[in-house]
Amino acid sequence: MKPRPIAFLPPVIWLVLIYMLLTLPGSDIPKVNFLDAIYFDKWVHTGLFAMLVFLFCWPFRKQYPMQHSLFISITVFAVVYGIALEYVQKYFASDRSFDISDMIADAFGSLLGYMAIRYVARKIAEKNKPL
């Protein structure tokens, strides 16, 4: 069964939200020393990109074994999107900078999202397996 187009509204909204958050002027982001100490920024990047992959894969969850390569493609897209956003920050966003550790956090989050949706899809496939 093919996913309905409306199923892609949440991931597209999330994609736009990520863009908006990661291109906010640096001066608009409050500085809190405690959050810097626990690398809060990296955790945010990880969570944003994990959810991005999960949401884009979710409409295909019931077709899991056949859609495995699609899940991987979505994950690669998310990693490339994270890298591209770092360049956007470097060249176009005010008071933002290029940060390789943000790219690593984005890639790590994308991988976590892939692992999460794969786990969920596998459980759904096992549950729906004919006896």
N, C-alpha and C. Protein backbone atom coordinates (compact mmCIF):
# COMPACT_ATOMS: atom_id res chain seq x y z
N MET A 1 0.84 -1.17 0.00
CA MET A 1 0.00 0.00 0.00
C MET A 1 0.89 1.25 0.00
N LYS A 2 0.59 2.15 -0.89
CA LYS A 2 1.36 3.38 -1.04
C LYS A 2 0.91 4.41 0.01
N PRO A 3 1.87 5.11 0.65
CA PRO A 3 1.49 6.12 1.64
C PRO A 3 0.73 7.28 1.00
N ARG A 4 -0.22 7.82 1.74
CA ARG A 4 -0.96 8.98 1.26
C ARG A 4 -0.07 10.22 1.37
N PRO A 5 -0.23 11.16 0.47
CA PRO A 5 0.61 12.37 0.51
C PRO A 5 0.54 13.12 1.85
N ILE A 6 -0.59 13.10 2.51
CA ILE A 6 -0.74 13.80 3.80
C ILE A 6 0.23 13.23 4.84
N ALA A 7 0.64 11.99 4.66
CA ALA A 7 1.56 11.35 5.60
C ALA A 7 2.93 12.04 5.62
N PHE A 8 3.21 12.81 4.58
CA PHE A 8 4.51 13.49 4.50
C PHE A 8 4.47 14.91 5.04
N LEU A 9 3.31 15.35 5.49
CA LEU A 9 3.21 16.70 6.06
C LEU A 9 4.05 16.85 7.33
N PRO A 10 3.96 15.93 8.31
CA PRO A 10 4.79 16.09 9.52
C PRO A 10 6.30 16.14 9.23
N PRO A 11 6.84 15.24 8.39
CA PRO A 11 8.29 15.34 8.15
C PRO A 11 8.69 16.61 7.40
N VAL A 12 7.85 17.08 6.50
CA VAL A 12 8.18 18.30 5.77
C VAL A 12 8.15 19.50 6.72
N ILE A 13 7.16 19.54 7.61
CA ILE A 13 7.11 20.60 8.62
C ILE A 13 8.36 20.53 9.50
N TRP A 14 8.76 19.32 9.89
CA TRP A 14 9.95 19.14 10.72
C TRP A 14 11.21 19.61 9.99
N LEU A 15 11.29 19.30 8.70
CA LEU A 15 12.42 19.72 7.87
C LEU A 15 12.54 21.25 7.86
N VAL A 16 11.41 21.92 7.68
CA VAL A 16 11.39 23.39 7.68
C VAL A 16 11.74 23.93 9.06
N LEU A 17 11.22 23.29 10.11
CA LEU A 17 11.52 23.71 11.47
C LEU A 17 13.02 23.63 11.76
N ILE A 18 13.64 22.54 11.32
CA ILE A 18 15.09 22.40 11.49
C ILE A 18 15.82 23.55 10.79
N TYR A 19 15.40 23.84 9.57
CA TYR A 19 16.04 24.93 8.82
C TYR A 19 15.91 26.25 9.59
N MET A 20 14.70 26.51 10.07
CA MET A 20 14.46 27.77 10.80
C MET A 20 15.32 27.84 12.07
N LEU A 21 15.36 26.75 12.83
CA LEU A 21 16.12 26.75 14.08
C LEU A 21 17.62 26.89 13.84
N LEU A 22 18.12 26.21 12.82
CA LEU A 22 19.56 26.21 12.60
C LEU A 22 20.06 27.43 11.83
N THR A 23 19.14 28.26 11.36
CA THR A 23 19.57 29.49 10.69
C THR A 23 19.18 30.75 11.48
N LEU A 24 18.65 30.56 12.69
CA LEU A 24 18.39 31.72 13.56
C LEU A 24 19.70 32.47 13.77
N PRO A 25 19.64 33.78 13.82
CA PRO A 25 20.87 34.52 14.14
C PRO A 25 21.41 34.08 15.50
N GLY A 26 22.71 33.91 15.58
CA GLY A 26 23.33 33.47 16.82
C GLY A 26 23.02 34.38 17.99
N SER A 27 22.83 35.66 17.71
CA SER A 27 22.53 36.61 18.78
C SER A 27 21.14 36.39 19.38
N ASP A 28 20.25 35.68 18.67
CA ASP A 28 18.91 35.39 19.18
C ASP A 28 18.88 34.18 20.11
N ILE A 29 19.98 33.44 20.17
CA ILE A 29 20.03 32.23 20.99
C ILE A 29 20.66 32.59 22.33
N PRO A 30 19.92 32.35 23.42
CA PRO A 30 20.47 32.72 24.74
C PRO A 30 21.69 31.88 25.09
N LYS A 31 22.64 32.50 25.76
CA LYS A 31 23.85 31.82 26.22
C LYS A 31 23.64 31.38 27.66
N VAL A 32 23.75 30.09 27.90
CA VAL A 32 23.65 29.54 29.26
C VAL A 32 24.86 28.65 29.46
N ASN A 33 25.74 29.03 30.36
CA ASN A 33 27.00 28.30 30.56
C ASN A 33 26.78 26.83 30.92
N PHE A 34 25.76 26.55 31.73
CA PHE A 34 25.48 25.17 32.12
C PHE A 34 25.19 24.32 30.88
N LEU A 35 24.39 24.86 29.96
CA LEU A 35 24.04 24.10 28.75
C LEU A 35 25.26 23.87 27.87
N ASP A 36 26.15 24.83 27.83
CA ASP A 36 27.40 24.64 27.07
C ASP A 36 28.23 23.52 27.68
N ALA A 37 28.22 23.44 28.99
CA ALA A 37 29.02 22.43 29.70
C ALA A 37 28.55 21.01 29.39
N ILE A 38 27.27 20.83 29.13
CA ILE A 38 26.75 19.48 28.84
C ILE A 38 26.53 19.26 27.34
N TYR A 39 27.09 20.15 26.53
CA TYR A 39 26.99 20.05 25.07
C TYR A 39 25.53 19.96 24.61
N PHE A 40 24.69 20.76 25.21
CA PHE A 40 23.26 20.75 24.90
C PHE A 40 23.00 20.93 23.41
N ASP A 41 23.77 21.80 22.78
CA ASP A 41 23.62 22.07 21.35
C ASP A 41 23.75 20.78 20.53
N LYS A 42 24.70 19.95 20.90
CA LYS A 42 24.91 18.70 20.15
C LYS A 42 23.75 17.73 20.37
N TRP A 43 23.21 17.70 21.58
CA TRP A 43 22.05 16.84 21.86
C TRP A 43 20.84 17.31 21.06
N VAL A 44 20.68 18.62 20.92
CA VAL A 44 19.57 19.16 20.13
C VAL A 44 19.72 18.73 18.68
N HIS A 45 20.92 18.88 18.12
CA HIS A 45 21.16 18.45 16.74
C HIS A 45 20.85 16.96 16.58
N THR A 46 21.31 16.16 17.51
CA THR A 46 21.08 14.71 17.45
C THR A 46 19.58 14.41 17.44
N GLY A 47 18.85 15.02 18.34
CA GLY A 47 17.41 14.79 18.43
C GLY A 47 16.65 15.26 17.20
N LEU A 48 17.01 16.43 16.70
CA LEU A 48 16.33 16.97 15.52
C LEU A 48 16.48 16.03 14.32
N PHE A 49 17.69 15.53 14.11
CA PHE A 49 17.93 14.70 12.94
C PHE A 49 17.44 13.26 13.12
N ALA A 50 17.43 12.77 14.34
CA ALA A 50 16.85 11.44 14.60
C ALA A 50 15.36 11.48 14.26
N MET A 51 14.69 12.53 14.71
CA MET A 51 13.26 12.66 14.43
C MET A 51 12.99 12.88 12.95
N LEU A 52 13.87 13.60 12.27
CA LEU A 52 13.71 13.83 10.84
C LEU A 52 13.68 12.51 10.07
N VAL A 53 14.65 11.66 10.33
CA VAL A 53 14.71 10.36 9.64
C VAL A 53 13.50 9.52 10.01
N PHE A 54 13.17 9.48 11.29
CA PHE A 54 12.04 8.67 11.75
C PHE A 54 10.75 9.12 11.06
N LEU A 55 10.51 10.43 11.02
CA LEU A 55 9.27 10.94 10.43
C LEU A 55 9.19 10.69 8.93
N PHE A 56 10.30 10.82 8.22
CA PHE A 56 10.27 10.57 6.78
C PHE A 56 10.11 9.08 6.47
N CYS A 57 10.62 8.21 7.32
CA CYS A 57 10.49 6.77 7.10
C CYS A 57 9.13 6.23 7.56
N TRP A 58 8.50 6.90 8.52
CA TRP A 58 7.26 6.41 9.13
C TRP A 58 6.18 6.01 8.11
N PRO A 59 5.92 6.78 7.07
CA PRO A 59 4.87 6.37 6.12
C PRO A 59 5.15 5.03 5.43
N PHE A 60 6.40 4.59 5.44
CA PHE A 60 6.77 3.34 4.77
C PHE A 60 6.98 2.18 5.74
N ARG A 61 6.64 2.36 7.00
CA ARG A 61 6.96 1.38 8.04
C ARG A 61 6.34 0.01 7.79
N LYS A 62 5.16 -0.04 7.19
CA LYS A 62 4.49 -1.34 6.99
C LYS A 62 5.06 -2.10 5.80
N GLN A 63 5.88 -1.43 5.00
CA GLN A 63 6.50 -2.07 3.84
C GLN A 63 7.97 -2.34 4.12
N TYR A 64 8.33 -2.47 5.40
CA TYR A 64 9.73 -2.43 5.82
C TYR A 64 10.71 -3.30 5.03
N PRO A 65 10.56 -4.60 4.98
CA PRO A 65 11.66 -5.33 4.34
C PRO A 65 11.92 -4.86 2.91
N MET A 66 10.85 -4.50 2.21
CA MET A 66 11.01 -4.06 0.82
C MET A 66 11.56 -2.64 0.75
N GLN A 67 11.37 -1.85 1.79
CA GLN A 67 11.76 -0.44 1.76
C GLN A 67 13.07 -0.17 2.50
N HIS A 68 13.81 -1.19 2.83
CA HIS A 68 15.06 -1.01 3.58
C HIS A 68 16.00 -0.03 2.88
N SER A 69 16.15 -0.16 1.57
CA SER A 69 17.05 0.75 0.85
C SER A 69 16.52 2.18 0.86
N LEU A 70 15.20 2.34 0.90
CA LEU A 70 14.62 3.68 1.01
C LEU A 70 14.95 4.29 2.36
N PHE A 71 14.89 3.49 3.42
CA PHE A 71 15.26 3.97 4.75
C PHE A 71 16.72 4.47 4.76
N ILE A 72 17.58 3.72 4.11
CA ILE A 72 19.00 4.12 4.03
C ILE A 72 19.14 5.41 3.23
N SER A 73 18.41 5.52 2.12
CA SER A 73 18.46 6.74 1.30
C SER A 73 17.98 7.95 2.09
N ILE A 74 16.93 7.79 2.87
CA ILE A 74 16.42 8.89 3.69
C ILE A 74 17.47 9.29 4.73
N THR A 75 18.14 8.31 5.30
CA THR A 75 19.19 8.59 6.28
C THR A 75 20.34 9.36 5.64
N VAL A 76 20.76 8.95 4.46
CA VAL A 76 21.83 9.65 3.75
C VAL A 76 21.38 11.08 3.41
N PHE A 77 20.13 11.23 2.98
CA PHE A 77 19.60 12.57 2.70
C PHE A 77 19.70 13.46 3.94
N ALA A 78 19.33 12.92 5.10
CA ALA A 78 19.37 13.70 6.34
C ALA A 78 20.80 14.13 6.67
N VAL A 79 21.75 13.24 6.48
CA VAL A 79 23.16 13.57 6.74
C VAL A 79 23.61 14.70 5.80
N VAL A 80 23.27 14.57 4.53
CA VAL A 80 23.64 15.60 3.55
C VAL A 80 22.95 16.93 3.88
N TYR A 81 21.70 16.86 4.32
CA TYR A 81 20.96 18.07 4.72
C TYR A 81 21.67 18.76 5.89
N GLY A 82 22.12 17.97 6.85
CA GLY A 82 22.86 18.53 7.99
C GLY A 82 24.15 19.20 7.56
N ILE A 83 24.87 18.58 6.65
CA ILE A 83 26.11 19.17 6.13
C ILE A 83 25.79 20.47 5.39
N ALA A 84 24.77 20.43 4.55
CA ALA A 84 24.38 21.62 3.78
C ALA A 84 24.00 22.78 4.71
N LEU A 85 23.30 22.47 5.78
CA LEU A 85 22.90 23.52 6.72
C LEU A 85 24.10 24.16 7.40
N GLU A 86 25.15 23.40 7.63
CA GLU A 86 26.36 24.00 8.20
C GLU A 86 26.97 25.01 7.24
N TYR A 87 26.94 24.70 5.95
CA TYR A 87 27.43 25.67 4.96
C TYR A 87 26.52 26.88 4.87
N VAL A 88 25.21 26.67 4.99
CA VAL A 88 24.27 27.79 5.03
C VAL A 88 24.59 28.69 6.22
N GLN A 89 24.85 28.06 7.37
CA GLN A 89 25.21 28.85 8.55
C GLN A 89 26.49 29.65 8.32
N LYS A 90 27.44 29.03 7.67
CA LYS A 90 28.75 29.68 7.45
C LYS A 90 28.63 30.88 6.51
N TYR A 91 27.88 30.72 5.43
CA TYR A 91 27.87 31.74 4.39
C TYR A 91 26.66 32.67 4.40
N PHE A 92 25.54 32.25 4.98
CA PHE A 92 24.32 33.05 4.84
C PHE A 92 23.66 33.47 6.15
N ALA A 93 23.87 32.76 7.23
CA ALA A 93 23.21 33.08 8.50
C ALA A 93 24.09 34.01 9.32
N SER A 94 23.47 35.02 9.90
CA SER A 94 24.27 35.97 10.68
C SER A 94 24.56 35.42 12.08
N ASP A 95 25.76 35.68 12.53
CA ASP A 95 26.22 35.24 13.85
C ASP A 95 26.16 33.73 14.03
N ARG A 96 26.29 32.99 12.95
CA ARG A 96 26.35 31.53 13.02
C ARG A 96 27.66 31.10 12.41
N SER A 97 28.11 29.90 12.78
CA SER A 97 29.40 29.45 12.26
C SER A 97 29.33 28.00 11.82
N PHE A 98 30.27 27.64 11.00
CA PHE A 98 30.45 26.28 10.51
C PHE A 98 31.04 25.45 11.64
N ASP A 99 30.44 24.31 11.94
CA ASP A 99 30.92 23.50 13.06
C ASP A 99 30.87 22.02 12.68
N ILE A 100 32.04 21.42 12.55
CA ILE A 100 32.11 20.00 12.18
C ILE A 100 31.44 19.13 13.24
N SER A 101 31.55 19.51 14.50
CA SER A 101 30.92 18.69 15.55
C SER A 101 29.39 18.71 15.42
N ASP A 102 28.82 19.79 14.87
CA ASP A 102 27.38 19.80 14.59
C ASP A 102 27.06 18.78 13.49
N MET A 103 27.92 18.71 12.49
CA MET A 103 27.71 17.73 11.41
C MET A 103 27.76 16.31 11.96
N ILE A 104 28.68 16.06 12.86
CA ILE A 104 28.79 14.73 13.47
C ILE A 104 27.53 14.43 14.27
N ALA A 105 27.04 15.41 15.02
CA ALA A 105 25.81 15.22 15.80
C ALA A 105 24.62 14.98 14.88
N ASP A 106 24.55 15.69 13.75
CA ASP A 106 23.47 15.49 12.78
C ASP A 106 23.52 14.07 12.21
N ALA A 107 24.72 13.63 11.85
CA ALA A 107 24.88 12.28 11.29
C ALA A 107 24.55 11.22 12.33
N PHE A 108 24.99 11.43 13.55
CA PHE A 108 24.69 10.50 14.63
C PHE A 108 23.18 10.43 14.88
N GLY A 109 22.53 11.58 14.89
CA GLY A 109 21.08 11.61 15.06
C GLY A 109 20.37 10.91 13.92
N SER A 110 20.84 11.13 12.70
CA SER A 110 20.24 10.46 11.54
C SER A 110 20.36 8.95 11.67
N LEU A 111 21.51 8.49 12.11
CA LEU A 111 21.73 7.06 12.32
C LEU A 111 20.82 6.52 13.42
N LEU A 112 20.67 7.27 14.50
CA LEU A 112 19.75 6.85 15.57
C LEU A 112 18.31 6.77 15.07
N GLY A 113 17.91 7.74 14.26
CA GLY A 113 16.56 7.71 13.69
C GLY A 113 16.36 6.50 12.80
N TYR A 114 17.38 6.18 12.01
CA TYR A 114 17.34 4.99 11.16
C TYR A 114 17.20 3.72 12.00
N MET A 115 18.00 3.63 13.05
CA MET A 115 17.94 2.43 13.91
C MET A 115 16.58 2.33 14.61
N ALA A 116 16.02 3.46 15.02
CA ALA A 116 14.73 3.45 15.70
C ALA A 116 13.61 3.02 14.76
N ILE A 117 13.56 3.58 13.55
CA ILE A 117 12.48 3.22 12.63
C ILE A 117 12.65 1.79 12.15
N ARG A 118 13.87 1.35 12.00
CA ARG A 118 14.11 -0.03 11.60
C ARG A 118 13.60 -1.00 12.67
N TYR A 119 13.85 -0.67 13.94
CA TYR A 119 13.37 -1.49 15.05
C TYR A 119 11.84 -1.52 15.06
N VAL A 120 11.23 -0.36 14.95
CA VAL A 120 9.77 -0.28 14.98
C VAL A 120 9.17 -1.02 13.78
N ALA A 121 9.74 -0.81 12.60
CA ALA A 121 9.23 -1.46 11.39
C ALA A 121 9.36 -2.98 11.48
N ARG A 122 10.45 -3.44 12.05
CA ARG A 122 10.64 -4.88 12.21
C ARG A 122 9.60 -5.46 13.16
N LYS A 123 9.31 -4.75 14.25
CA LYS A 123 8.29 -5.20 15.20
C LYS A 123 6.92 -5.24 14.55
N ILE A 124 6.61 -4.24 13.73
CA ILE A 124 5.33 -4.22 13.02
C ILE A 124 5.25 -5.38 12.05
N ALA A 125 6.35 -5.65 11.33
CA ALA A 125 6.38 -6.76 10.37
C ALA A 125 6.19 -8.09 11.08
N GLU A 126 6.82 -8.26 12.24
CA GLU A 126 6.66 -9.50 13.01
C GLU A 126 5.23 -9.67 13.49
N LYS A 127 4.63 -8.58 13.92
CA LYS A 127 3.25 -8.62 14.42
C LYS A 127 2.27 -8.96 13.31
N ASN A 128 2.52 -8.48 12.11
CA ASN A 128 1.60 -8.68 10.99
C ASN A 128 1.93 -9.91 10.15
N LYS A 129 2.94 -10.67 10.56
CA LYS A 129 3.35 -11.85 9.81
C LYS A 129 2.24 -12.91 9.89
N PRO A 130 1.86 -13.48 8.73
CA PRO A 130 0.84 -14.54 8.77
C PRO A 130 1.38 -15.80 9.44
N LEU A 131 0.50 -16.48 10.12
CA LEU A 131 0.91 -17.71 10.83
C LEU A 131 1.09 -18.86 9.92
